[in-house]
N, C-alpha and C. Protein backbone atom coordinates (compact mmCIF):
# COMPACT_ATOMS: atom_id res chain seq x y z
N MET A 1 115.99 -83.55 120.20
CA MET A 1 115.02 -82.70 120.86
C MET A 1 115.72 -81.42 121.31
N ARG A 2 115.05 -80.33 121.13
CA ARG A 2 115.58 -79.03 121.56
C ARG A 2 115.19 -78.80 123.01
N ARG A 3 116.16 -78.50 123.85
CA ARG A 3 115.91 -78.19 125.26
C ARG A 3 116.27 -76.74 125.52
N PHE A 4 115.37 -76.00 126.13
CA PHE A 4 115.61 -74.60 126.45
C PHE A 4 116.21 -74.51 127.85
N ARG A 5 117.20 -73.63 128.03
CA ARG A 5 117.93 -73.54 129.29
C ARG A 5 117.32 -72.55 130.27
N ASN A 6 116.36 -71.78 129.86
CA ASN A 6 115.79 -70.84 130.83
C ASN A 6 114.27 -70.87 130.73
N HIS A 7 113.63 -70.20 131.65
CA HIS A 7 112.18 -70.21 131.72
C HIS A 7 111.53 -69.13 130.84
N LEU A 8 112.33 -68.27 130.23
CA LEU A 8 111.79 -67.20 129.39
C LEU A 8 111.82 -67.64 127.93
N ILE A 9 110.65 -67.94 127.43
CA ILE A 9 110.51 -68.42 126.06
C ILE A 9 109.73 -67.37 125.27
N GLY A 10 110.26 -66.99 124.13
CA GLY A 10 109.59 -66.02 123.26
C GLY A 10 108.97 -66.73 122.07
N VAL A 11 107.82 -66.25 121.66
CA VAL A 11 107.14 -66.76 120.47
C VAL A 11 106.76 -65.57 119.61
N GLN A 12 107.20 -65.59 118.36
CA GLN A 12 106.79 -64.56 117.42
C GLN A 12 106.20 -65.25 116.19
N GLN A 13 105.09 -64.72 115.71
CA GLN A 13 104.43 -65.28 114.53
C GLN A 13 104.29 -64.20 113.47
N GLY A 14 104.18 -64.64 112.23
CA GLY A 14 103.99 -63.70 111.15
C GLY A 14 103.41 -64.36 109.93
N SER A 15 103.04 -63.53 108.98
CA SER A 15 102.51 -63.98 107.70
C SER A 15 103.09 -63.07 106.63
N ARG A 16 103.52 -63.64 105.52
CA ARG A 16 104.19 -62.84 104.49
C ARG A 16 103.81 -63.33 103.11
N VAL A 17 103.33 -62.41 102.26
CA VAL A 17 103.18 -62.72 100.84
C VAL A 17 104.59 -62.73 100.28
N MET A 18 105.01 -63.88 99.76
CA MET A 18 106.39 -64.02 99.28
C MET A 18 106.55 -63.46 97.87
N PHE A 19 105.53 -63.62 97.05
CA PHE A 19 105.54 -63.04 95.71
C PHE A 19 104.12 -63.06 95.17
N SER A 20 103.90 -62.25 94.14
CA SER A 20 102.63 -62.18 93.43
C SER A 20 102.96 -61.98 91.95
N ASP A 21 103.47 -63.05 91.32
CA ASP A 21 104.07 -62.95 89.99
C ASP A 21 103.09 -62.87 88.83
N PHE A 22 101.83 -63.18 89.04
CA PHE A 22 100.88 -63.11 87.92
C PHE A 22 100.57 -61.67 87.54
N GLU A 23 100.77 -60.74 88.48
CA GLU A 23 100.46 -59.33 88.22
C GLU A 23 101.42 -58.69 87.22
N ASP A 24 102.68 -59.14 87.24
CA ASP A 24 103.67 -58.52 86.36
C ASP A 24 104.45 -59.57 85.54
N ASP A 25 103.82 -60.73 85.31
CA ASP A 25 104.45 -61.80 84.54
C ASP A 25 105.83 -62.18 85.08
N GLY A 26 105.93 -62.31 86.39
CA GLY A 26 107.19 -62.71 87.02
C GLY A 26 107.54 -64.15 86.71
N VAL A 27 108.76 -64.53 87.05
CA VAL A 27 109.31 -65.83 86.65
C VAL A 27 108.54 -67.01 87.26
N MET A 28 107.97 -66.86 88.44
CA MET A 28 107.21 -67.97 89.03
C MET A 28 105.96 -68.27 88.20
N TRP A 29 105.41 -67.25 87.54
CA TRP A 29 104.21 -67.42 86.74
C TRP A 29 104.52 -67.82 85.30
N THR A 30 105.60 -67.31 84.74
CA THR A 30 105.90 -67.57 83.33
C THR A 30 107.08 -68.51 83.13
N GLY A 31 107.91 -68.70 84.14
CA GLY A 31 109.16 -69.44 83.99
C GLY A 31 109.00 -70.93 83.89
N LYS A 32 110.10 -71.55 83.52
CA LYS A 32 110.18 -73.00 83.48
C LYS A 32 111.45 -73.40 84.20
N GLY A 33 111.48 -74.65 84.66
CA GLY A 33 112.66 -75.13 85.36
C GLY A 33 112.68 -74.71 86.81
N PRO A 34 113.80 -74.94 87.49
CA PRO A 34 113.88 -74.62 88.92
C PRO A 34 113.74 -73.12 89.18
N ARG A 35 112.93 -72.79 90.15
CA ARG A 35 112.74 -71.39 90.55
C ARG A 35 112.68 -71.32 92.06
N GLU A 36 113.25 -70.25 92.61
CA GLU A 36 113.32 -70.09 94.06
C GLU A 36 113.14 -68.63 94.43
N VAL A 37 112.38 -68.39 95.50
CA VAL A 37 112.23 -67.05 96.07
C VAL A 37 112.63 -67.15 97.54
N ARG A 38 113.52 -66.24 97.96
CA ARG A 38 113.94 -66.14 99.36
C ARG A 38 113.55 -64.77 99.89
N VAL A 39 112.96 -64.76 101.06
CA VAL A 39 112.58 -63.52 101.73
C VAL A 39 113.21 -63.54 103.12
N THR A 40 114.03 -62.54 103.42
CA THR A 40 114.64 -62.44 104.74
C THR A 40 113.73 -61.65 105.66
N LEU A 41 113.43 -62.24 106.82
CA LEU A 41 112.55 -61.60 107.80
C LEU A 41 113.32 -61.36 109.09
N GLN A 42 113.12 -60.18 109.66
CA GLN A 42 113.75 -59.79 110.92
C GLN A 42 112.78 -60.03 112.08
N PHE A 43 113.29 -60.50 113.20
CA PHE A 43 112.47 -60.62 114.41
C PHE A 43 112.31 -59.25 115.05
N ASP A 44 111.20 -59.06 115.77
CA ASP A 44 110.96 -57.79 116.45
C ASP A 44 112.06 -57.47 117.46
N GLU A 45 112.54 -58.50 118.12
CA GLU A 45 113.68 -58.36 119.04
C GLU A 45 114.49 -59.65 118.97
N PRO A 46 115.78 -59.58 119.26
CA PRO A 46 116.62 -60.79 119.14
C PRO A 46 116.25 -61.85 120.16
N PHE A 47 116.40 -63.10 119.75
CA PHE A 47 116.32 -64.22 120.68
C PHE A 47 117.67 -64.38 121.36
N LYS A 48 117.71 -65.05 122.49
CA LYS A 48 118.97 -65.30 123.21
C LYS A 48 119.79 -66.35 122.48
N THR A 49 119.13 -67.35 121.94
CA THR A 49 119.76 -68.39 121.14
C THR A 49 118.97 -68.54 119.84
N VAL A 50 119.50 -69.26 118.91
CA VAL A 50 118.82 -69.45 117.62
C VAL A 50 117.47 -70.14 117.87
N PRO A 51 116.37 -69.54 117.41
CA PRO A 51 115.05 -70.12 117.67
C PRO A 51 114.71 -71.27 116.71
N VAL A 52 113.68 -71.98 117.08
CA VAL A 52 113.09 -73.00 116.21
C VAL A 52 112.07 -72.30 115.32
N ILE A 53 112.07 -72.60 114.02
CA ILE A 53 111.14 -71.98 113.08
C ILE A 53 110.19 -73.04 112.53
N VAL A 54 108.91 -72.70 112.47
CA VAL A 54 107.90 -73.55 111.85
C VAL A 54 107.26 -72.74 110.73
N THR A 55 107.19 -73.31 109.52
CA THR A 55 106.59 -72.60 108.39
C THR A 55 105.43 -73.40 107.83
N ALA A 56 104.49 -72.69 107.20
CA ALA A 56 103.34 -73.34 106.58
C ALA A 56 102.82 -72.49 105.43
N LEU A 57 102.34 -73.13 104.38
CA LEU A 57 101.69 -72.41 103.30
C LEU A 57 100.34 -71.91 103.79
N ALA A 58 100.12 -70.62 103.72
CA ALA A 58 98.85 -70.04 104.15
C ALA A 58 97.94 -69.79 102.95
N MET A 59 98.55 -69.51 101.78
CA MET A 59 97.79 -69.28 100.56
C MET A 59 98.67 -69.69 99.39
N PHE A 60 98.08 -70.41 98.45
CA PHE A 60 98.82 -70.96 97.33
C PHE A 60 97.92 -70.83 96.11
N ASP A 61 98.27 -69.95 95.17
CA ASP A 61 97.48 -69.70 93.96
C ASP A 61 98.29 -70.25 92.79
N ILE A 62 97.79 -71.31 92.16
CA ILE A 62 98.57 -72.03 91.15
C ILE A 62 97.71 -72.33 89.93
N ASP A 63 98.34 -72.38 88.77
CA ASP A 63 97.67 -72.70 87.52
C ASP A 63 97.18 -74.15 87.56
N ALA A 64 95.90 -74.35 87.29
CA ALA A 64 95.29 -75.68 87.34
C ALA A 64 95.69 -76.56 86.16
N HIS A 65 96.30 -75.99 85.13
CA HIS A 65 96.65 -76.75 83.93
C HIS A 65 98.08 -77.27 83.93
N THR A 66 98.81 -77.06 85.03
CA THR A 66 100.18 -77.56 85.14
C THR A 66 100.30 -78.41 86.40
N ASN A 67 101.39 -79.14 86.50
CA ASN A 67 101.64 -79.93 87.71
C ASN A 67 101.81 -79.01 88.91
N GLN A 68 101.32 -79.44 90.04
CA GLN A 68 101.40 -78.64 91.26
C GLN A 68 102.57 -79.11 92.10
N ARG A 69 103.64 -78.33 92.08
CA ARG A 69 104.86 -78.66 92.82
C ARG A 69 105.23 -77.47 93.70
N ALA A 70 105.49 -77.74 94.97
CA ALA A 70 105.85 -76.65 95.88
C ALA A 70 106.72 -77.19 97.00
N ASP A 71 107.68 -76.38 97.40
CA ASP A 71 108.55 -76.70 98.52
C ASP A 71 108.74 -75.42 99.33
N LEU A 72 108.18 -75.38 100.53
CA LEU A 72 108.35 -74.24 101.43
C LEU A 72 109.25 -74.68 102.57
N SER A 73 110.30 -73.90 102.81
CA SER A 73 111.22 -74.22 103.89
C SER A 73 111.77 -72.91 104.47
N HIS A 74 112.77 -73.04 105.31
CA HIS A 74 113.43 -71.87 105.89
C HIS A 74 114.92 -72.17 106.02
N GLY A 75 115.72 -71.12 106.15
CA GLY A 75 117.16 -71.30 106.28
C GLY A 75 117.82 -70.05 106.83
N ASN A 76 119.12 -70.14 107.01
CA ASN A 76 119.92 -69.01 107.52
C ASN A 76 119.32 -68.43 108.80
N VAL A 77 118.92 -69.30 109.71
CA VAL A 77 118.29 -68.85 110.96
C VAL A 77 119.36 -68.36 111.93
N THR A 78 119.18 -67.14 112.44
CA THR A 78 120.04 -66.58 113.48
C THR A 78 119.15 -66.06 114.60
N GLU A 79 119.76 -65.45 115.59
CA GLU A 79 119.00 -64.88 116.70
C GLU A 79 118.17 -63.67 116.27
N THR A 80 118.48 -63.08 115.10
CA THR A 80 117.81 -61.84 114.69
C THR A 80 116.97 -61.96 113.43
N GLN A 81 117.16 -63.03 112.65
CA GLN A 81 116.45 -63.13 111.37
C GLN A 81 116.47 -64.55 110.81
N PHE A 82 115.72 -64.76 109.73
CA PHE A 82 115.75 -66.03 109.01
C PHE A 82 115.22 -65.80 107.60
N ASP A 83 115.43 -66.78 106.73
CA ASP A 83 114.93 -66.73 105.36
C ASP A 83 113.77 -67.68 105.19
N LEU A 84 112.67 -67.19 104.61
CA LEU A 84 111.61 -68.05 104.09
C LEU A 84 112.03 -68.42 102.67
N ILE A 85 111.86 -69.69 102.29
CA ILE A 85 112.30 -70.14 100.98
C ILE A 85 111.16 -70.91 100.31
N PHE A 86 110.77 -70.46 99.12
CA PHE A 86 109.77 -71.18 98.33
C PHE A 86 110.42 -71.61 97.02
N ARG A 87 110.21 -72.88 96.65
CA ARG A 87 110.75 -73.41 95.41
C ARG A 87 109.67 -74.13 94.63
N THR A 88 109.80 -74.06 93.30
CA THR A 88 109.00 -74.89 92.41
C THR A 88 109.87 -75.26 91.22
N TRP A 89 109.41 -76.15 90.37
CA TRP A 89 110.24 -76.62 89.27
C TRP A 89 109.33 -77.17 88.16
N GLY A 90 109.96 -77.54 87.04
CA GLY A 90 109.22 -78.11 85.91
C GLY A 90 108.30 -77.08 85.29
N ASP A 91 107.11 -77.54 84.89
CA ASP A 91 106.16 -76.66 84.21
C ASP A 91 105.20 -75.95 85.17
N THR A 92 105.39 -76.10 86.47
CA THR A 92 104.50 -75.50 87.45
C THR A 92 104.49 -73.98 87.32
N ARG A 93 103.27 -73.42 87.33
CA ARG A 93 103.09 -71.96 87.26
C ARG A 93 102.39 -71.51 88.54
N VAL A 94 103.13 -70.73 89.34
CA VAL A 94 102.61 -70.27 90.62
C VAL A 94 102.35 -68.77 90.52
N ALA A 95 101.11 -68.37 90.78
CA ALA A 95 100.75 -66.96 90.72
C ALA A 95 101.22 -66.21 91.96
N ARG A 96 100.95 -66.78 93.13
CA ARG A 96 101.36 -66.12 94.38
C ARG A 96 101.35 -67.11 95.53
N VAL A 97 102.12 -66.76 96.55
CA VAL A 97 102.24 -67.58 97.74
C VAL A 97 102.30 -66.68 98.96
N ARG A 98 101.56 -67.09 100.00
CA ARG A 98 101.70 -66.45 101.31
C ARG A 98 102.09 -67.54 102.30
N ALA A 99 103.10 -67.26 103.11
CA ALA A 99 103.59 -68.22 104.10
C ALA A 99 103.38 -67.67 105.50
N ASP A 100 102.95 -68.54 106.40
CA ASP A 100 102.87 -68.21 107.82
C ASP A 100 104.08 -68.83 108.51
N TRP A 101 104.51 -68.22 109.60
CA TRP A 101 105.67 -68.75 110.31
C TRP A 101 105.55 -68.46 111.80
N THR A 102 106.24 -69.29 112.57
CA THR A 102 106.32 -69.13 114.02
C THR A 102 107.77 -69.38 114.43
N ALA A 103 108.30 -68.49 115.26
CA ALA A 103 109.64 -68.66 115.84
C ALA A 103 109.48 -68.83 117.35
N ILE A 104 110.13 -69.86 117.89
CA ILE A 104 110.05 -70.17 119.32
C ILE A 104 111.47 -70.34 119.84
N GLY A 105 111.80 -69.60 120.89
CA GLY A 105 113.15 -69.74 121.44
C GLY A 105 113.34 -68.99 122.73
N GLU A 106 114.53 -69.16 123.27
CA GLU A 106 114.90 -68.49 124.52
C GLU A 106 115.03 -66.99 124.29
N ILE A 107 114.56 -66.21 125.26
CA ILE A 107 114.75 -64.76 125.23
C ILE A 107 115.45 -64.32 126.51
N ARG A 108 116.01 -63.14 126.47
CA ARG A 108 116.71 -62.61 127.65
C ARG A 108 115.72 -62.00 128.63
N ALA A 109 116.05 -62.12 129.92
CA ALA A 109 115.28 -61.45 130.96
C ALA A 109 115.61 -59.96 130.90
N GLU A 110 114.73 -59.12 131.38
CA GLU A 110 114.96 -57.68 131.35
C GLU A 110 116.22 -57.28 132.11
N ASP A 111 116.54 -58.02 133.18
CA ASP A 111 117.71 -57.68 133.99
C ASP A 111 118.93 -58.53 133.65
N GLU A 112 118.90 -59.24 132.55
CA GLU A 112 120.02 -60.09 132.15
C GLU A 112 120.95 -59.33 131.22
N TRP A 113 122.24 -59.44 131.48
CA TRP A 113 123.21 -58.77 130.63
C TRP A 113 124.51 -59.55 130.65
N ASP A 114 125.36 -59.31 129.67
CA ASP A 114 126.65 -60.00 129.56
C ASP A 114 127.75 -59.07 130.05
N LEU A 115 128.71 -59.65 130.80
CA LEU A 115 129.85 -58.87 131.25
C LEU A 115 130.90 -58.73 130.16
N TYR A 116 131.02 -59.77 129.33
CA TYR A 116 132.06 -59.76 128.29
C TYR A 116 131.48 -60.10 126.96
């Protein structure tokens, strides 16, 4: 369980189209085998400690004639940014994906500062 050490908790939410490969015959739409898209997102302001990230598929446009395989996750989380990661594999053809996300974590007080 994550325990926060202060009473100032920040929440930032966002939504991001990760790719739209059907428009230009990108690899997610035409490719075969393992495929991955990573999008690095910056927070509006830094968190005091590394935040907790929650991700969800908000829109998923996929070819109905292939197997539907999708893996949405996140990684490389720091106080200032994180990566959204979408993966598919096999014969799956994905036209586009939009992911929603929420970051929750400790933030600094306006009068808080470090001496060293």
